[in-house]
Amino acid sequence: MTDIHPHATLPRYDKETLLGQQGIVLWFCGLSGSGKSTIASGVERVLHQQGRFTIRLDGDNLRTGLNANLGFSDDDRLENIRRTAELAKILAHNGVIVLCSLITPRGMHRDMARGILEEDLALVYVKASYAACEARDVKGLYAKAAKGEVAHFTGRDSGFEEPQNAELVLDTERMTVEDAVSEVLDFVSGRLASA
């Protein structure tokens, strides 16, 4: 195979015009149990009811398929985020509203995602303390981590750096899921206008 260069495709504008929306990547980051997936699901439901085409890329689901060969070391986390950002970029360039829910614990991870996605990225920090997430423990991971059964657990064995440049911060200790969903929808409403 000698031709390794991408072939011309339909312009992004044509895809966005067909869908009646602009592609964007809403990247929800935060500790496990902070509410990332719950809020992204709520946003997706409302956008679907509005006739918007969305795709959710959830960290847990990606790790059972596309990223099944990755663990939780720093290198594996970086690759997990790189692959997800590259996939999200392809989708956004085709006019899709992409909702990514990944812990994305370090600034370097978020910087890499921003470097790949550029102006398509809107970083949404779903803020909740370790103690609040541990009290929720929706997946039972905090209990396992306390027993030493989960290696590289974010916030305990592996650090989480709070984002300094998030486009939106949702403090789920102080707001309801419904309020968080509304805030995200208000934030992106300008981007969802017909192309």
C-alpha atoms as a PDB file:
ATOM      1  CA  MET A   1       0.000   0.000   0.000  1.00  0.00           C
ATOM      2  CA  THR A   2       1.605   3.214  -1.155  1.00  0.00           C
ATOM      3  CA  ASP A   3      -1.178   5.752  -0.632  1.00  0.00           C
ATOM      4  CA  ILE A   4      -1.159   6.564   3.078  1.00  0.00           C
ATOM      5  CA  HIS A   5      -2.574  10.059   2.779  1.00  0.00           C
ATOM      6  CA  PRO A   6      -6.242  10.680   3.609  1.00  0.00           C
ATOM      7  CA  HIS A   7      -8.546  11.131   0.655  1.00  0.00           C
ATOM      8  CA  ALA A   8     -10.693  14.226   0.342  1.00  0.00           C
ATOM      9  CA  THR A   9     -14.024  13.952   2.105  1.00  0.00           C
ATOM     10  CA  LEU A  10     -17.077  16.123   2.174  1.00  0.00           C
ATOM     11  CA  PRO A  11     -16.346  19.417   3.939  1.00  0.00           C
ATOM     12  CA  ARG A  12     -17.275  19.735   7.594  1.00  0.00           C
ATOM     13  CA  TYR A  13     -19.693  22.533   6.773  1.00  0.00           C
ATOM     14  CA  ASP A  14     -21.693  20.173   4.534  1.00  0.00           C
ATOM     15  CA  LYS A  15     -22.035  17.613   7.330  1.00  0.00           C
ATOM     16  CA  GLU A  16     -23.013  20.260   9.877  1.00  0.00           C
ATOM     17  CA  THR A  17     -25.562  21.746   7.459  1.00  0.00           C
ATOM     18  CA  LEU A  18     -27.128  18.319   6.959  1.00  0.00           C
ATOM     19  CA  LEU A  19     -27.413  17.803  10.723  1.00  0.00           C
ATOM     20  CA  GLY A  20     -28.416  21.407  11.431  1.00  0.00           C
ATOM     21  CA  GLN A  21     -25.819  21.753  14.181  1.00  0.00           C
ATOM     22  CA  GLN A  22     -22.146  22.392  14.787  1.00  0.00           C
ATOM     23  CA  GLY A  23     -19.848  19.652  16.025  1.00  0.00           C
ATOM     24  CA  ILE A  24     -18.541  20.125  19.558  1.00  0.00           C
ATOM     25  CA  VAL A  25     -16.904  17.956  22.218  1.00  0.00           C
ATOM     26  CA  LEU A  26     -18.151  18.381  25.769  1.00  0.00           C
ATOM     27  CA  TRP A  27     -15.439  16.720  27.864  1.00  0.00           C
ATOM     28  CA  PHE A  28     -16.693  15.968  31.391  1.00  0.00           C
ATOM     29  CA  CYS A  29     -13.828  15.363  33.837  1.00  0.00           C
ATOM     30  CA  GLY A  30     -13.776  14.759  37.583  1.00  0.00           C
ATOM     31  CA  LEU A  31     -13.389  12.070  40.200  1.00  0.00           C
ATOM     32  CA  SER A  32     -15.181   8.748  39.950  1.00  0.00           C
ATOM     33  CA  GLY A  33     -18.682   9.279  41.329  1.00  0.00           C
ATOM     34  CA  SER A  34     -18.654  13.055  40.818  1.00  0.00           C
ATOM     35  CA  GLY A  35     -21.588  12.858  38.394  1.00  0.00           C
ATOM     36  CA  LYS A  36     -19.877  13.022  34.984  1.00  0.00           C
ATOM     37  CA  SER A  37     -21.822  10.210  33.321  1.00  0.00           C
ATOM     38  CA  THR A  38     -25.109  11.112  34.989  1.00  0.00           C
ATOM     39  CA  ILE A  39     -24.928  14.722  33.792  1.00  0.00           C
ATOM     40  CA  ALA A  40     -23.738  13.722  30.300  1.00  0.00           C
ATOM     41  CA  SER A  41     -26.679  11.291  30.048  1.00  0.00           C
ATOM     42  CA  GLY A  42     -29.100  14.017  31.062  1.00  0.00           C
ATOM     43  CA  VAL A  43     -27.646  16.420  28.507  1.00  0.00           C
ATOM     44  CA  GLU A  44     -27.818  13.736  25.827  1.00  0.00           C
ATOM     45  CA  ARG A  45     -31.488  13.002  26.566  1.00  0.00           C
ATOM     46  CA  VAL A  46     -32.499  16.653  26.239  1.00  0.00           C
ATOM     47  CA  LEU A  47     -30.451  17.172  23.070  1.00  0.00           C
ATOM     48  CA  HIS A  48     -32.003  14.045  21.556  1.00  0.00           C
ATOM     49  CA  GLN A  49     -35.478  15.380  22.352  1.00  0.00           C
ATOM     50  CA  GLN A  50     -34.456  18.592  20.560  1.00  0.00           C
ATOM     51  CA  GLY A  51     -33.543  16.580  17.458  1.00  0.00           C
ATOM     52  CA  ARG A  52     -29.778  16.870  17.955  1.00  0.00           C
ATOM     53  CA  PHE A  53     -27.405  14.058  16.965  1.00  0.00           C
ATOM     54  CA  THR A  54     -25.118  13.084  19.837  1.00  0.00           C
ATOM     55  CA  ILE A  55     -22.692  10.315  20.722  1.00  0.00           C
ATOM     56  CA  ARG A  56     -21.519   9.565  24.254  1.00  0.00           C
ATOM     57  CA  LEU A  57     -18.014   8.268  24.864  1.00  0.00           C
ATOM     58  CA  ASP A  58     -17.958   7.059  28.467  1.00  0.00           C
ATOM     59  CA  GLY A  59     -14.698   5.970  30.082  1.00  0.00           C
ATOM     60  CA  ASP A  60     -16.170   2.774  31.539  1.00  0.00           C
ATOM     61  CA  ASN A  61     -17.647   1.696  28.200  1.00  0.00           C
ATOM     62  CA  LEU A  62     -14.497   2.590  26.251  1.00  0.00           C
ATOM     63  CA  ARG A  63     -12.427   0.438  28.596  1.00  0.00           C
ATOM     64  CA  THR A  64     -14.517  -2.622  27.704  1.00  0.00           C
ATOM     65  CA  GLY A  65     -13.936  -2.153  23.967  1.00  0.00           C
ATOM     66  CA  LEU A  66     -11.699   0.352  22.216  1.00  0.00           C
ATOM     67  CA  ASN A  67      -9.411   0.750  25.228  1.00  0.00           C
ATOM     68  CA  ALA A  68      -9.791  -2.729  26.751  1.00  0.00           C
ATOM     69  CA  ASN A  69      -6.043  -3.322  26.557  1.00  0.00           C
ATOM     70  CA  LEU A  70      -5.217  -0.353  28.796  1.00  0.00           C
ATOM     71  CA  GLY A  71      -4.725  -0.284  32.545  1.00  0.00           C
ATOM     72  CA  PHE A  72      -4.515   2.688  34.899  1.00  0.00           C
ATOM     73  CA  SER A  73      -0.812   3.536  34.881  1.00  0.00           C
ATOM     74  CA  ASP A  74       0.087   7.087  33.860  1.00  0.00           C
ATOM     75  CA  ASP A  75       1.094   5.907  30.378  1.00  0.00           C
ATOM     76  CA  ASP A  76      -2.126   3.914  29.932  1.00  0.00           C
ATOM     77  CA  ARG A  77      -4.276   6.809  31.128  1.00  0.00           C
ATOM     78  CA  LEU A  78      -2.547   9.077  28.630  1.00  0.00           C
ATOM     79  CA  GLU A  79      -3.211   6.618  25.793  1.00  0.00           C
ATOM     80  CA  ASN A  80      -6.827   6.161  26.915  1.00  0.00           C
ATOM     81  CA  ILE A  81      -7.373   9.908  26.661  1.00  0.00           C
ATOM     82  CA  ARG A  82      -5.432  10.236  23.396  1.00  0.00           C
ATOM     83  CA  ARG A  83      -7.520   7.565  21.664  1.00  0.00           C
ATOM     84  CA  THR A  84     -10.751   9.038  22.979  1.00  0.00           C
ATOM     85  CA  ALA A  85      -9.797  12.563  21.895  1.00  0.00           C
ATOM     86  CA  GLU A  86      -8.849  11.368  18.399  1.00  0.00           C
ATOM     87  CA  LEU A  87     -12.180   9.553  18.043  1.00  0.00           C
ATOM     88  CA  ALA A  88     -14.073  12.581  19.359  1.00  0.00           C
ATOM     89  CA  LYS A  89     -12.231  14.776  16.851  1.00  0.00           C
ATOM     90  CA  ILE A  90     -13.385  12.637  13.924  1.00  0.00           C
ATOM     91  CA  LEU A  91     -16.969  12.736  15.182  1.00  0.00           C
ATOM     92  CA  ALA A  92     -16.985  16.498  15.820  1.00  0.00           C
ATOM     93  CA  HIS A  93     -15.560  17.127  12.354  1.00  0.00           C
ATOM     94  CA  ASN A  94     -18.608  15.278  11.042  1.00  0.00           C
ATOM     95  CA  GLY A  95     -21.019  17.568  12.889  1.00  0.00           C
ATOM     96  CA  VAL A  96     -21.661  15.326  15.882  1.00  0.00           C
ATOM     97  CA  ILE A  97     -22.142  16.631  19.422  1.00  0.00           C
ATOM     98  CA  VAL A  98     -19.799  14.390  21.419  1.00  0.00           C
ATOM     99  CA  LEU A  99     -20.127  13.951  25.178  1.00  0.00           C
ATOM    100  CA  CYS A 100     -16.985  12.430  26.715  1.00  0.00           C
ATOM    101  CA  SER A 101     -17.014  11.314  30.354  1.00  0.00           C
ATOM    102  CA  LEU A 102     -13.526  10.456  31.584  1.00  0.00           C
ATOM    103  CA  ILE A 103     -11.801  11.155  34.886  1.00  0.00           C
ATOM    104  CA  THR A 104      -8.915  12.859  33.003  1.00  0.00           C
ATOM    105  CA  PRO A 105      -6.993  13.362  36.252  1.00  0.00           C
ATOM    106  CA  ARG A 106      -3.954  15.413  35.255  1.00  0.00           C
ATOM    107  CA  GLY A 107      -3.431  18.749  33.582  1.00  0.00           C
ATOM    108  CA  MET A 108      -1.166  17.119  30.997  1.00  0.00           C
ATOM    109  CA  HIS A 109      -4.038  14.773  30.030  1.00  0.00           C
ATOM    110  CA  ARG A 110      -6.427  17.671  29.557  1.00  0.00           C
ATOM    111  CA  ASP A 111      -3.781  19.682  27.694  1.00  0.00           C
ATOM    112  CA  MET A 112      -3.261  16.788  25.301  1.00  0.00           C
ATOM    113  CA  ALA A 113      -7.013  16.480  24.681  1.00  0.00           C
ATOM    114  CA  ARG A 114      -7.180  20.240  24.050  1.00  0.00           C
ATOM    115  CA  GLY A 115      -4.230  20.019  21.662  1.00  0.00           C
ATOM    116  CA  ILE A 116      -6.017  17.328  19.652  1.00  0.00           C
ATOM    117  CA  LEU A 117      -9.506  18.846  19.741  1.00  0.00           C
ATOM    118  CA  GLU A 118      -8.517  22.529  19.692  1.00  0.00           C
ATOM    119  CA  GLU A 119     -11.531  24.873  19.418  1.00  0.00           C
ATOM    120  CA  ASP A 120     -13.962  21.935  19.373  1.00  0.00           C
ATOM    121  CA  LEU A 121     -13.249  21.157  23.041  1.00  0.00           C
ATOM    122  CA  ALA A 122     -15.343  22.506  25.883  1.00  0.00           C
ATOM    123  CA  LEU A 123     -13.939  21.191  29.165  1.00  0.00           C
ATOM    124  CA  VAL A 124     -16.592  20.663  31.847  1.00  0.00           C
ATOM    125  CA  TYR A 125     -15.186  20.066  35.327  1.00  0.00           C
ATOM    126  CA  VAL A 126     -17.644  18.071  37.402  1.00  0.00           C
ATOM    127  CA  LYS A 127     -16.422  19.048  40.844  1.00  0.00           C
ATOM    128  CA  ALA A 128     -16.916  16.967  43.979  1.00  0.00           C
ATOM    129  CA  SER A 129     -14.549  16.191  46.836  1.00  0.00           C
ATOM    130  CA  TYR A 130     -13.085  12.749  47.420  1.00  0.00           C
ATOM    131  CA  ALA A 131     -15.149  12.513  50.627  1.00  0.00           C
ATOM    132  CA  ALA A 132     -18.405  13.288  48.785  1.00  0.00           C
ATOM    133  CA  CYS A 133     -17.648  10.769  46.035  1.00  0.00           C
ATOM    134  CA  GLU A 134     -16.656   8.174  48.621  1.00  0.00           C
ATOM    135  CA  ALA A 135     -19.988   8.715  50.409  1.00  0.00           C
ATOM    136  CA  ARG A 136     -21.856   8.214  47.121  1.00  0.00           C
ATOM    137  CA  ASP A 137     -19.699   5.248  46.029  1.00  0.00           C
ATOM    138  CA  VAL A 138     -22.130   4.405  43.226  1.00  0.00           C
ATOM    139  CA  LYS A 139     -19.900   1.647  41.811  1.00  0.00           C
ATOM    140  CA  GLY A 140     -18.456   0.334  45.067  1.00  0.00           C
ATOM    141  CA  LEU A 141     -14.975   1.395  43.973  1.00  0.00           C
ATOM    142  CA  TYR A 142     -14.213   3.548  46.998  1.00  0.00           C
ATOM    143  CA  ALA A 143     -14.914   0.639  49.340  1.00  0.00           C
ATOM    144  CA  LYS A 144     -12.606  -1.566  47.259  1.00  0.00           C
ATOM    145  CA  ALA A 145      -9.933   1.139  47.207  1.00  0.00           C
ATOM    146  CA  ALA A 146     -10.117   1.458  50.999  1.00  0.00           C
ATOM    147  CA  LYS A 147      -9.347  -2.280  51.210  1.00  0.00           C
ATOM    148  CA  GLY A 148      -6.444  -1.915  48.780  1.00  0.00           C
ATOM    149  CA  GLU A 149      -8.278  -3.864  46.066  1.00  0.00           C
ATOM    150  CA  VAL A 150      -8.021  -1.139  43.387  1.00  0.00           C
ATOM    151  CA  ALA A 151      -4.577  -0.091  42.176  1.00  0.00           C
ATOM    152  CA  HIS A 152      -3.872   3.503  41.062  1.00  0.00           C
ATOM    153  CA  PHE A 153      -7.241   4.740  42.379  1.00  0.00           C
ATOM    154  CA  THR A 154      -7.676   8.410  41.457  1.00  0.00           C
ATOM    155  CA  GLY A 155      -7.785  10.731  44.429  1.00  0.00           C
ATOM    156  CA  ARG A 156      -6.232   8.147  46.730  1.00  0.00           C
ATOM    157  CA  ASP A 157      -3.210   6.366  45.210  1.00  0.00           C
ATOM    158  CA  SER A 158      -3.113   8.464  42.068  1.00  0.00           C
ATOM    159  CA  GLY A 159      -3.546  12.220  42.182  1.00  0.00           C
ATOM    160  CA  PHE A 160      -6.235  14.402  40.668  1.00  0.00           C
ATOM    161  CA  GLU A 161      -5.279  17.918  39.604  1.00  0.00           C
ATOM    162  CA  GLU A 162      -8.202  20.346  39.513  1.00  0.00           C
ATOM    163  CA  PRO A 163      -8.590  21.931  36.071  1.00  0.00           C
ATOM    164  CA  GLN A 164      -7.543  25.571  35.904  1.00  0.00           C
ATOM    165  CA  ASN A 165      -8.963  26.302  32.462  1.00  0.00           C
ATOM    166  CA  ALA A 166     -12.353  24.581  32.344  1.00  0.00           C
ATOM    167  CA  GLU A 167     -15.001  26.329  30.282  1.00  0.00           C
ATOM    168  CA  LEU A 168     -17.602  25.246  32.834  1.00  0.00           C
ATOM    169  CA  VAL A 169     -17.434  24.087  36.472  1.00  0.00           C
ATOM    170  CA  LEU A 170     -20.330  22.113  37.948  1.00  0.00           C
ATOM    171  CA  ASP A 171     -20.114  21.670  41.715  1.00  0.00           C
ATOM    172  CA  THR A 172     -22.250  18.592  42.300  1.00  0.00           C
ATOM    173  CA  GLU A 173     -22.048  18.993  46.056  1.00  0.00           C
ATOM    174  CA  ARG A 174     -24.006  22.251  45.714  1.00  0.00           C
ATOM    175  CA  MET A 175     -26.270  21.683  42.706  1.00  0.00           C
ATOM    176  CA  THR A 176     -28.768  19.106  41.543  1.00  0.00           C
ATOM    177  CA  VAL A 177     -28.284  16.970  38.453  1.00  0.00           C
ATOM    178  CA  GLU A 178     -31.134  18.873  36.777  1.00  0.00           C
ATOM    179  CA  ASP A 179     -29.457  22.220  37.468  1.00  0.00           C
ATOM    180  CA  ALA A 180     -26.131  20.910  36.159  1.00  0.00           C
ATOM    181  CA  VAL A 181     -27.788  19.633  32.966  1.00  0.00           C
ATOM    182  CA  SER A 182     -29.500  23.006  32.462  1.00  0.00           C
ATOM    183  CA  GLU A 183     -26.210  24.834  32.949  1.00  0.00           C
ATOM    184  CA  VAL A 184     -24.486  22.693  30.305  1.00  0.00           C
ATOM    185  CA  LEU A 185     -27.366  23.192  27.876  1.00  0.00           C
ATOM    186  CA  ASP A 186     -27.281  26.957  28.426  1.00  0.00           C
ATOM    187  CA  PHE A 187     -23.531  26.935  27.871  1.00  0.00           C
ATOM    188  CA  VAL A 188     -23.692  25.145  24.505  1.00  0.00           C
ATOM    189  CA  SER A 189     -26.910  26.673  23.180  1.00  0.00           C
ATOM    190  CA  GLY A 190     -25.020  29.081  20.910  1.00  0.00           C
ATOM    191  CA  ARG A 191     -23.021  26.248  19.366  1.00  0.00           C
ATOM    192  CA  LEU A 192     -26.156  24.197  18.678  1.00  0.00           C
ATOM    193  CA  ALA A 193     -27.745  26.757  16.391  1.00  0.00           C
ATOM    194  CA  SER A 194     -28.252  25.570  12.838  1.00  0.00           C
ATOM    195  CA  ALA A 195     -25.067  25.694  10.820  1.00  0.00           C
END
